N, C-alpha and C. Protein backbone atom coordinates (compact mmCIF):
# COMPACT_ATOMS: atom_id res chain seq x y z
N MET A 1 -4.52 -5.32 5.80
CA MET A 1 -3.25 -4.66 5.61
C MET A 1 -3.43 -3.60 4.54
N SER A 2 -2.69 -2.51 4.74
CA SER A 2 -2.96 -1.39 3.87
C SER A 2 -1.74 -0.50 3.71
N LEU A 3 -1.42 -0.21 2.47
CA LEU A 3 -0.37 0.74 2.18
C LEU A 3 -0.77 2.13 2.67
N GLU A 4 -2.07 2.42 2.61
CA GLU A 4 -2.56 3.70 3.11
C GLU A 4 -2.33 3.83 4.61
N ASP A 5 -2.48 2.73 5.34
CA ASP A 5 -2.21 2.77 6.78
C ASP A 5 -0.73 3.02 7.04
N LEU A 6 0.13 2.47 6.22
CA LEU A 6 1.57 2.73 6.36
C LEU A 6 1.84 4.21 6.12
N ASP A 7 1.22 4.77 5.10
CA ASP A 7 1.38 6.21 4.83
C ASP A 7 0.88 7.04 6.00
N ARG A 8 -0.24 6.63 6.61
CA ARG A 8 -0.77 7.34 7.79
C ARG A 8 0.21 7.27 8.95
N LEU A 9 0.78 6.09 9.16
CA LEU A 9 1.75 5.93 10.24
C LEU A 9 2.93 6.87 10.04
N LEU A 10 3.44 6.92 8.83
CA LEU A 10 4.59 7.78 8.55
C LEU A 10 4.22 9.25 8.69
N ALA A 11 3.00 9.61 8.34
CA ALA A 11 2.55 10.99 8.49
C ALA A 11 2.41 11.38 9.96
N LEU A 12 2.11 10.43 10.82
CA LEU A 12 1.95 10.70 12.24
C LEU A 12 3.25 11.16 12.90
N ARG A 13 4.37 10.90 12.24
CA ARG A 13 5.67 11.31 12.80
C ARG A 13 5.71 12.80 13.09
N VAL A 14 5.02 13.56 12.25
CA VAL A 14 5.05 15.02 12.37
C VAL A 14 4.49 15.48 13.71
N GLU A 15 3.44 14.84 14.18
CA GLU A 15 2.78 15.27 15.41
C GLU A 15 3.10 14.41 16.62
N ASP A 16 3.78 13.30 16.43
CA ASP A 16 4.08 12.38 17.52
C ASP A 16 5.60 12.23 17.63
N ALA A 17 6.19 12.98 18.56
CA ALA A 17 7.65 12.98 18.70
C ALA A 17 8.20 11.61 19.08
N GLN A 18 7.45 10.87 19.91
CA GLN A 18 7.90 9.53 20.31
C GLN A 18 7.94 8.61 19.09
N LEU A 19 6.92 8.67 18.26
CA LEU A 19 6.90 7.85 17.05
C LEU A 19 8.04 8.26 16.13
N ALA A 20 8.26 9.55 15.99
CA ALA A 20 9.35 10.03 15.14
C ALA A 20 10.69 9.47 15.61
N ALA A 21 10.90 9.46 16.91
CA ALA A 21 12.15 8.93 17.46
C ALA A 21 12.26 7.43 17.21
N GLN A 22 11.15 6.71 17.34
CA GLN A 22 11.18 5.26 17.09
C GLN A 22 11.46 4.97 15.62
N LEU A 23 10.85 5.74 14.73
CA LEU A 23 11.05 5.51 13.30
C LEU A 23 12.42 5.97 12.82
N ALA A 24 13.09 6.80 13.61
CA ALA A 24 14.43 7.25 13.24
C ALA A 24 15.47 6.14 13.46
N GLN A 25 15.10 5.15 14.26
CA GLN A 25 16.00 4.03 14.53
C GLN A 25 15.74 2.90 13.52
N PRO A 26 16.76 2.09 13.25
CA PRO A 26 16.53 0.93 12.38
C PRO A 26 15.50 0.01 13.01
N LEU A 27 14.49 -0.37 12.23
CA LEU A 27 13.42 -1.24 12.71
C LEU A 27 13.27 -2.43 11.80
N GLY A 28 12.90 -3.54 12.38
CA GLY A 28 12.51 -4.69 11.59
C GLY A 28 11.07 -4.50 11.13
N VAL A 29 10.66 -5.28 10.16
CA VAL A 29 9.29 -5.18 9.65
C VAL A 29 8.29 -5.47 10.76
N GLN A 30 8.56 -6.47 11.58
CA GLN A 30 7.64 -6.81 12.66
C GLN A 30 7.48 -5.65 13.63
N GLU A 31 8.58 -4.99 13.96
CA GLU A 31 8.51 -3.85 14.88
C GLU A 31 7.68 -2.71 14.27
N LEU A 32 7.86 -2.48 12.99
CA LEU A 32 7.09 -1.44 12.31
C LEU A 32 5.60 -1.79 12.33
N CYS A 33 5.29 -3.03 12.08
CA CYS A 33 3.89 -3.49 12.11
C CYS A 33 3.30 -3.32 13.51
N GLU A 34 4.09 -3.57 14.54
CA GLU A 34 3.62 -3.42 15.91
C GLU A 34 3.37 -1.95 16.25
N LEU A 35 4.23 -1.05 15.77
CA LEU A 35 4.01 0.38 15.98
C LEU A 35 2.70 0.81 15.34
N ALA A 36 2.45 0.29 14.14
CA ALA A 36 1.20 0.62 13.45
C ALA A 36 0.00 0.08 14.22
N ALA A 37 0.09 -1.17 14.65
CA ALA A 37 -1.03 -1.79 15.37
C ALA A 37 -1.35 -1.05 16.66
N ALA A 38 -0.34 -0.53 17.31
CA ALA A 38 -0.54 0.22 18.55
C ALA A 38 -1.33 1.50 18.31
N ARG A 39 -1.38 1.93 17.06
CA ARG A 39 -2.12 3.13 16.69
C ARG A 39 -3.38 2.81 15.90
N GLY A 40 -3.78 1.54 15.93
CA GLY A 40 -5.01 1.12 15.26
C GLY A 40 -4.89 1.01 13.76
N LEU A 41 -3.67 0.86 13.26
CA LEU A 41 -3.43 0.74 11.82
C LEU A 41 -2.98 -0.67 11.50
N GLU A 42 -3.34 -1.14 10.32
CA GLU A 42 -2.93 -2.47 9.87
C GLU A 42 -1.86 -2.35 8.80
N VAL A 43 -0.66 -2.74 9.14
CA VAL A 43 0.47 -2.70 8.21
C VAL A 43 1.11 -4.07 8.24
N GLY A 44 1.36 -4.62 7.07
CA GLY A 44 2.01 -5.92 6.97
C GLY A 44 3.27 -5.85 6.12
N GLU A 45 3.95 -6.95 6.06
CA GLU A 45 5.20 -7.02 5.30
C GLU A 45 4.97 -6.64 3.83
N ALA A 46 3.87 -7.08 3.25
CA ALA A 46 3.57 -6.75 1.85
C ALA A 46 3.43 -5.24 1.66
N ASP A 47 2.90 -4.55 2.66
CA ASP A 47 2.76 -3.10 2.57
C ASP A 47 4.12 -2.42 2.59
N VAL A 48 5.01 -2.91 3.42
CA VAL A 48 6.36 -2.35 3.50
C VAL A 48 7.09 -2.55 2.16
N LEU A 49 6.97 -3.75 1.60
CA LEU A 49 7.60 -4.01 0.30
C LEU A 49 6.99 -3.15 -0.80
N ALA A 50 5.68 -2.99 -0.77
CA ALA A 50 5.01 -2.15 -1.77
C ALA A 50 5.47 -0.70 -1.66
N ALA A 51 5.66 -0.22 -0.43
CA ALA A 51 6.13 1.15 -0.23
C ALA A 51 7.55 1.31 -0.75
N GLN A 52 8.39 0.31 -0.52
CA GLN A 52 9.76 0.37 -1.04
C GLN A 52 9.76 0.41 -2.57
N GLN A 53 8.94 -0.42 -3.18
CA GLN A 53 8.84 -0.43 -4.64
C GLN A 53 8.32 0.89 -5.16
N ARG A 54 7.35 1.46 -4.47
CA ARG A 54 6.78 2.75 -4.88
C ARG A 54 7.86 3.83 -4.84
N GLU A 55 8.65 3.84 -3.78
CA GLU A 55 9.71 4.85 -3.66
C GLU A 55 10.78 4.66 -4.73
N GLU A 56 11.15 3.41 -4.99
CA GLU A 56 12.16 3.15 -6.01
C GLU A 56 11.67 3.52 -7.40
N SER A 57 10.38 3.39 -7.64
CA SER A 57 9.85 3.73 -8.96
C SER A 57 9.90 5.24 -9.21
N ARG A 58 10.03 6.01 -8.15
CA ARG A 58 10.11 7.47 -8.27
C ARG A 58 11.53 7.98 -8.50
N LEU A 59 12.50 7.10 -8.36
CA LEU A 59 13.90 7.50 -8.51
C LEU A 59 14.31 7.56 -9.98
N SER A 60 15.23 8.44 -10.26
CA SER A 60 15.78 8.52 -11.62
C SER A 60 16.76 7.37 -11.83
N GLN A 61 17.15 7.15 -13.08
CA GLN A 61 18.13 6.09 -13.39
C GLN A 61 19.41 6.31 -12.61
N GLN A 62 19.88 7.55 -12.56
CA GLN A 62 21.13 7.83 -11.86
C GLN A 62 21.00 7.55 -10.38
N GLN A 63 19.89 7.92 -9.78
CA GLN A 63 19.68 7.65 -8.36
C GLN A 63 19.65 6.16 -8.08
N LEU A 64 19.02 5.40 -8.98
CA LEU A 64 18.99 3.94 -8.82
C LEU A 64 20.39 3.35 -8.93
N GLN A 65 21.17 3.84 -9.89
CA GLN A 65 22.54 3.35 -10.05
C GLN A 65 23.38 3.68 -8.83
N GLU A 66 23.19 4.87 -8.26
CA GLU A 66 23.93 5.24 -7.06
C GLU A 66 23.56 4.33 -5.89
N ARG A 67 22.29 4.00 -5.78
CA ARG A 67 21.83 3.11 -4.71
C ARG A 67 22.44 1.72 -4.87
N VAL A 68 22.45 1.22 -6.09
CA VAL A 68 23.04 -0.10 -6.35
C VAL A 68 24.54 -0.09 -6.03
N ALA A 69 25.22 1.00 -6.38
CA ALA A 69 26.65 1.11 -6.09
C ALA A 69 26.90 1.10 -4.59
N GLN A 70 26.07 1.79 -3.83
CA GLN A 70 26.22 1.80 -2.37
C GLN A 70 26.03 0.41 -1.79
N GLU A 71 25.03 -0.30 -2.27
CA GLU A 71 24.78 -1.67 -1.80
C GLU A 71 25.95 -2.58 -2.16
N ALA A 72 26.48 -2.42 -3.36
CA ALA A 72 27.61 -3.25 -3.79
C ALA A 72 28.83 -2.99 -2.90
N ARG A 73 29.08 -1.73 -2.54
CA ARG A 73 30.20 -1.42 -1.65
C ARG A 73 30.00 -2.07 -0.29
N ARG A 74 28.78 -2.02 0.23
CA ARG A 74 28.52 -2.66 1.53
C ARG A 74 28.77 -4.16 1.46
N LEU A 75 28.34 -4.78 0.37
CA LEU A 75 28.54 -6.23 0.23
C LEU A 75 30.02 -6.57 0.12
N ARG A 76 30.78 -5.75 -0.58
CA ARG A 76 32.22 -6.02 -0.70
C ARG A 76 32.90 -5.98 0.66
N HIS A 77 32.46 -5.07 1.52
CA HIS A 77 33.04 -4.98 2.85
C HIS A 77 32.55 -6.09 3.76
N PHE A 78 31.34 -6.54 3.52
CA PHE A 78 30.76 -7.61 4.33
C PHE A 78 31.35 -8.96 3.97
N ILE A 79 31.50 -9.21 2.68
CA ILE A 79 32.02 -10.49 2.21
C ILE A 79 33.52 -10.37 2.08
N GLN A 80 34.21 -11.04 2.94
CA GLN A 80 35.68 -11.01 2.90
C GLN A 80 36.18 -11.91 1.79
N GLY A 81 36.97 -11.39 0.90
CA GLY A 81 37.40 -12.20 -0.23
C GLY A 81 38.80 -12.28 -0.45
């Protein structure tokens, strides 16, 4: 499993319209791993989590707070109280 393979998969979107369309839809981790495997890449759940952490580490404090606020709003609507 490789974070680099995940990066390669995401880079392939530019030249592969079908892959771009598939990645534009909400996917589960397993589906993402299967897309990678179909292209000879090894991507696992740990790679997806590492990529999420990497992206979050690049965000500013304000961007992180905005993301948390959005999640909190979704939870308030999901949890009927």
